[in-house]
Amino acid sequence: MGGAERSERKRRQQTAAGARAVAQARGSAGNRRTIVVVIAVVVLAVLVIGGVIWTNSSKNQTEGQAIPPVATNASLDTQGERQGAVVVSGKADAKVKIDIYADFLCPYCGQLQKSSGAQIEQQIQAGNLQVSYHMIPLLNSRSDPPGYSLASENAALCAADQGKFTPFHDSLFAKQPEEGQRGYDNAQLIKLGQDLGITAPEFASCVNAGTYNQPLNDALAKISADPSFQGTPTILHNGTQIDWTQPDWLTKLVAQP
């Protein structure tokens, strides 16, 4: 074999080795891409499953929980009464009379209670303020399962019949469920009433029967037909809407001559 032939043979061997190296490299790169894709799919699946578990856990966080009872001055309920689907709290000769339209699921109603609830109750106790509470099941479809707004408001009216509207009202707002998530069921609402001192069996029957569901739905239909109604919470004084987001709104109202 001449030198030229040996050179050609060596060149061919080197070329073949190079081709195999390239093929192996391509195969390795392909394998790496496959591994990366598989890992990405697995991570995505874990995140999705974890997200579903977290969402369901968060959504159902009220399940099985007792609603902490909030104590209030008993005079707040002895001064008032239920009138249909409205609960009136305060003296008939109070200087200022307001109407509050609210929903126990409404987050802004929760803010109103947090920012002004104590002050409202102080003015009622002082004899300066009378409040007509209109509980409106505006967000009845926004709990999961639907129905919490109506159930809680019916229970609050049942509590009003037992002289416990104010502490029941305050307790539901103090531990308010989140909109879009699970509310409290009838058993939890009944337990709250019992923890607040309601012993009459009529209370549980009233809650379970949805005794005031129809008056509450009628009140919702009536207020929703009013073009001036802009949702909950709404506070009216002599038919004029009050800006409750102002920190001194109640002080100014009571100070008026």
Protein backbone atom coordinates (compact mmCIF):
# COMPACT_ATOMS: atom_id res chain seq x y z
CA MET A 1 0.00 0.00 0.00
CA GLY A 2 1.42 3.36 -1.07
CA GLY A 3 1.61 6.47 0.98
CA ALA A 4 -1.27 8.07 -0.88
CA GLU A 5 -3.57 5.12 -0.16
CA ARG A 6 -2.63 5.09 3.50
CA SER A 7 -3.39 8.82 3.72
CA GLU A 8 -6.75 8.37 2.03
CA ARG A 9 -7.66 5.47 4.34
CA LYS A 10 -6.71 7.52 7.40
CA ARG A 11 -8.75 10.46 6.14
CA ARG A 12 -11.79 8.23 5.71
CA GLN A 13 -11.39 6.79 9.21
CA GLN A 14 -11.14 10.28 10.68
CA THR A 15 -14.22 11.38 8.73
CA ALA A 16 -16.21 8.38 9.95
CA ALA A 17 -15.12 8.99 13.53
CA GLY A 18 -16.11 12.62 13.21
CA ALA A 19 -19.53 11.67 11.88
CA ARG A 20 -20.06 9.28 14.76
CA ALA A 21 -19.02 11.98 17.22
CA VAL A 22 -21.47 14.43 15.66
CA ALA A 23 -24.27 11.84 15.75
CA GLN A 24 -23.51 11.08 19.37
CA ALA A 25 -23.48 14.78 20.21
CA ARG A 26 -26.78 15.26 18.45
CA GLY A 27 -28.21 12.27 20.27
CA SER A 28 -27.00 13.62 23.60
CA ALA A 29 -28.49 17.05 22.85
CA GLY A 30 -31.77 15.42 21.87
CA ASN A 31 -31.77 13.37 25.04
CA ARG A 32 -31.07 16.47 27.08
CA ARG A 33 -33.95 18.28 25.41
CA THR A 34 -36.23 15.33 26.09
CA ILE A 35 -35.17 15.24 29.74
CA VAL A 36 -35.71 18.98 30.09
CA VAL A 37 -39.19 18.72 28.56
CA VAL A 38 -40.11 15.79 30.82
CA ILE A 39 -38.89 17.66 33.92
CA ALA A 40 -40.83 20.76 32.88
CA VAL A 41 -44.01 18.72 32.43
CA VAL A 42 -43.55 17.05 35.83
CA VAL A 43 -42.92 20.40 37.55
CA LEU A 44 -45.98 21.91 35.87
CA ALA A 45 -48.11 18.96 36.95
CA VAL A 46 -46.88 19.30 40.54
CA LEU A 47 -47.66 23.02 40.52
CA VAL A 48 -51.13 22.46 39.10
CA ILE A 49 -51.94 19.70 41.58
CA GLY A 50 -50.50 21.75 44.44
CA GLY A 51 -52.48 24.77 43.30
CA VAL A 52 -55.71 22.79 43.21
CA ILE A 53 -55.07 21.37 46.67
CA TRP A 54 -54.21 24.81 48.05
CA THR A 55 -57.25 26.40 46.39
CA ASN A 56 -59.62 23.77 47.74
CA SER A 57 -58.08 24.04 51.19
CA SER A 58 -58.37 27.83 51.13
CA LYS A 59 -61.89 27.72 49.72
CA ASN A 60 -63.09 25.39 52.47
CA GLN A 61 -61.24 26.98 55.38
CA THR A 62 -64.51 27.75 57.22
CA GLU A 63 -65.61 24.12 57.18
CA GLY A 64 -66.02 22.70 60.67
CA GLN A 65 -64.92 25.94 62.35
CA ALA A 66 -66.88 27.53 65.17
CA ILE A 67 -67.62 31.22 64.65
CA PRO A 68 -66.07 33.12 67.58
CA PRO A 69 -68.85 34.96 69.45
CA VAL A 70 -68.45 38.71 69.92
CA ALA A 71 -69.92 40.19 73.10
CA THR A 72 -71.87 43.46 72.83
CA ASN A 73 -73.85 45.65 75.21
CA ALA A 74 -77.27 44.07 75.77
CA SER A 75 -78.95 47.48 75.62
CA LEU A 76 -78.26 47.63 71.88
CA ASP A 77 -80.93 44.98 71.30
CA THR A 78 -83.35 45.90 74.08
CA GLN A 79 -83.68 49.32 72.40
CA GLY A 80 -84.67 47.84 69.05
CA GLU A 81 -86.68 45.18 67.26
CA ARG A 82 -87.12 43.30 64.01
CA GLN A 83 -89.57 44.89 61.60
CA GLY A 84 -90.02 42.46 58.74
CA ALA A 85 -86.59 42.01 57.16
CA VAL A 86 -85.25 45.14 58.90
CA VAL A 87 -83.77 45.33 62.39
CA VAL A 88 -84.05 48.67 64.15
CA SER A 89 -81.56 49.41 66.92
CA GLY A 90 -81.73 52.55 69.03
CA LYS A 91 -84.25 54.84 70.68
CA ALA A 92 -87.22 56.12 68.71
CA ASP A 93 -86.40 59.71 69.75
CA ALA A 94 -82.72 59.49 68.72
CA LYS A 95 -81.36 62.69 67.21
CA VAL A 96 -80.05 60.98 64.08
CA LYS A 97 -81.60 58.08 62.19
CA ILE A 98 -79.80 56.20 59.45
CA ASP A 99 -80.40 53.17 57.25
CA ILE A 100 -77.56 50.73 56.58
CA TYR A 101 -77.81 48.29 53.67
CA ALA A 102 -75.30 45.46 53.97
CA ASP A 103 -74.48 41.86 53.09
CA PHE A 104 -72.55 39.55 55.44
CA LEU A 105 -70.37 38.38 52.52
CA CYS A 106 -69.64 41.89 51.19
CA PRO A 107 -65.95 42.75 51.89
CA TYR A 108 -66.65 46.50 51.89
CA CYS A 109 -69.41 45.94 54.44
CA GLY A 110 -66.78 44.20 56.53
CA GLN A 111 -64.57 47.28 56.19
CA LEU A 112 -67.44 49.51 57.29
CA GLN A 113 -68.02 47.37 60.37
CA LYS A 114 -64.30 47.36 61.17
CA SER A 115 -63.87 51.11 60.78
CA SER A 116 -67.17 52.38 62.19
CA GLY A 117 -69.00 49.54 63.93
CA ALA A 118 -67.85 50.36 67.45
CA GLN A 119 -68.58 54.07 67.00
CA ILE A 120 -72.05 53.34 65.61
CA GLU A 121 -72.86 51.18 68.62
CA GLN A 122 -71.51 53.79 71.03
CA GLN A 123 -73.80 56.43 69.52
CA ILE A 124 -76.77 54.04 69.73
CA GLN A 125 -76.01 53.39 73.41
CA ALA A 126 -75.70 57.13 74.03
CA GLY A 127 -79.19 57.64 72.60
CA ASN A 128 -77.93 59.83 69.76
CA LEU A 129 -78.42 57.34 66.91
CA GLN A 130 -81.02 54.93 65.65
CA VAL A 131 -79.97 52.47 62.94
CA SER A 132 -82.23 50.48 60.65
CA TYR A 133 -80.21 47.50 59.44
CA HIS A 134 -81.31 46.24 56.03
CA MET A 135 -79.59 42.94 55.33
CA ILE A 136 -79.56 42.46 51.54
CA PRO A 137 -78.53 39.06 50.04
CA LEU A 138 -76.89 40.79 47.11
CA LEU A 139 -73.96 38.35 46.90
CA ASN A 140 -75.94 35.17 47.45
CA SER A 141 -74.42 33.56 44.35
CA ARG A 142 -70.86 34.60 45.24
CA SER A 143 -70.11 32.00 47.90
CA ASP A 144 -69.08 28.41 47.15
CA PRO A 145 -71.52 26.75 47.44
CA PRO A 146 -73.96 29.60 46.75
CA GLY A 147 -76.45 30.68 49.40
CA TYR A 148 -74.39 32.03 52.29
CA SER A 149 -75.66 35.61 52.10
CA LEU A 150 -79.28 34.52 52.39
CA ALA A 151 -78.61 31.86 55.04
CA SER A 152 -76.59 34.18 57.27
CA GLU A 153 -79.08 37.03 56.99
CA ASN A 154 -81.99 34.75 57.76
CA ALA A 155 -80.08 33.51 60.81
CA ALA A 156 -79.41 37.11 61.90
CA LEU A 157 -83.14 37.87 61.77
CA CYS A 158 -83.80 34.69 63.74
CA ALA A 159 -81.25 35.94 66.29
CA ALA A 160 -83.05 39.31 66.38
CA ASP A 161 -86.21 37.50 67.48
CA GLN A 162 -84.19 36.24 70.45
CA GLY A 163 -82.74 39.67 71.30
CA LYS A 164 -79.28 38.83 69.94
CA PHE A 165 -79.06 40.59 66.58
CA THR A 166 -76.16 42.91 67.40
CA PRO A 167 -73.72 40.29 68.74
CA PHE A 168 -74.73 37.90 65.96
CA HIS A 169 -74.21 40.65 63.36
CA ASP A 170 -70.85 41.67 64.84
CA SER A 171 -69.63 38.07 65.10
CA LEU A 172 -70.33 37.31 61.43
CA PHE A 173 -68.39 40.39 60.33
CA ALA A 174 -65.54 39.79 62.77
CA LYS A 175 -64.88 36.37 61.17
CA GLN A 176 -66.18 37.16 57.69
CA PRO A 177 -65.72 34.48 54.99
CA GLU A 178 -64.06 35.57 51.77
CA GLU A 179 -66.16 36.28 48.72
CA GLY A 180 -66.01 33.33 46.32
CA GLN A 181 -65.24 30.83 49.06
CA ARG A 182 -67.25 28.71 51.45
CA GLY A 183 -69.44 30.55 53.96
CA TYR A 184 -70.89 29.07 57.15
CA ASP A 185 -73.60 26.43 57.09
CA ASN A 186 -76.76 26.35 59.19
CA ALA A 187 -75.16 24.17 61.86
CA GLN A 188 -72.37 26.72 62.33
CA LEU A 189 -74.83 29.62 62.40
CA ILE A 190 -76.96 27.82 65.00
CA LYS A 191 -73.87 27.09 67.09
CA LEU A 192 -72.99 30.79 67.03
CA GLY A 193 -76.44 31.66 68.33
CA GLN A 194 -76.08 29.10 71.11
CA ASP A 195 -72.64 30.44 72.03
CA LEU A 196 -74.21 33.90 72.29
CA GLY A 197 -76.73 32.59 74.81
CA ILE A 198 -79.71 31.69 72.63
CA THR A 199 -81.37 28.66 74.20
CA ALA A 200 -84.81 28.75 72.58
CA PRO A 201 -85.35 25.79 70.21
CA GLU A 202 -87.30 28.14 67.94
CA PHE A 203 -84.00 29.71 66.88
CA ALA A 204 -82.62 26.53 65.31
CA SER A 205 -85.97 25.82 63.67
CA CYS A 206 -86.03 29.35 62.27
CA VAL A 207 -82.53 29.00 60.82
CA ASN A 208 -83.10 25.57 59.30
CA ALA A 209 -86.48 26.51 57.83
CA GLY A 210 -85.21 29.70 56.21
CA THR A 211 -88.13 31.50 57.84
CA TYR A 212 -87.15 34.94 56.56
CA ASN A 213 -85.77 33.95 53.14
CA GLN A 214 -88.76 35.31 51.26
CA PRO A 215 -88.85 38.72 53.00
CA LEU A 216 -85.09 39.04 52.41
CA ASN A 217 -85.45 38.19 48.72
CA ASP A 218 -88.33 40.63 48.46
CA ALA A 219 -86.17 43.34 50.02
CA LEU A 220 -83.41 42.56 47.52
CA ALA A 221 -85.81 42.80 44.58
CA LYS A 222 -87.17 46.11 45.83
CA ILE A 223 -83.83 47.80 46.43
CA SER A 224 -82.34 46.44 43.19
CA ALA A 225 -85.17 48.11 41.27
CA ASP A 226 -84.11 51.50 42.69
CA PRO A 227 -81.80 53.13 40.11
CA SER A 228 -80.08 55.14 42.86
CA PHE A 229 -78.97 52.02 44.71
CA GLN A 230 -75.28 51.41 44.05
CA GLY A 231 -74.70 48.27 46.09
CA THR A 232 -73.61 47.39 49.58
CA PRO A 233 -72.74 48.96 51.87
CA THR A 234 -75.03 51.94 51.52
CA ILE A 235 -75.80 54.36 54.36
CA LEU A 236 -78.72 56.76 54.02
CA HIS A 237 -79.64 59.70 56.23
CA ASN A 238 -83.04 61.19 55.39
CA GLY A 239 -82.73 59.56 51.97
CA THR A 240 -79.30 61.07 51.27
CA GLN A 241 -76.34 58.76 50.81
CA ILE A 242 -73.51 59.19 53.31
CA ASP A 243 -69.84 58.79 52.35
CA TRP A 244 -68.83 56.29 55.02
CA THR A 245 -65.23 56.20 53.77
CA GLN A 246 -64.65 59.54 55.49
CA PRO A 247 -63.31 58.76 58.99
CA ASP A 248 -65.40 61.46 60.70
CA TRP A 249 -68.68 60.86 58.86
CA LEU A 250 -70.60 59.78 61.96
CA THR A 251 -69.12 62.46 64.22
CA LYS A 252 -70.20 65.17 61.76
CA LEU A 253 -73.65 63.61 61.40
CA VAL A 254 -74.32 63.52 65.15
CA ALA A 255 -72.88 67.03 65.60
CA GLN A 256 -75.36 68.58 63.19
CA PRO A 257 -77.83 70.95 64.89
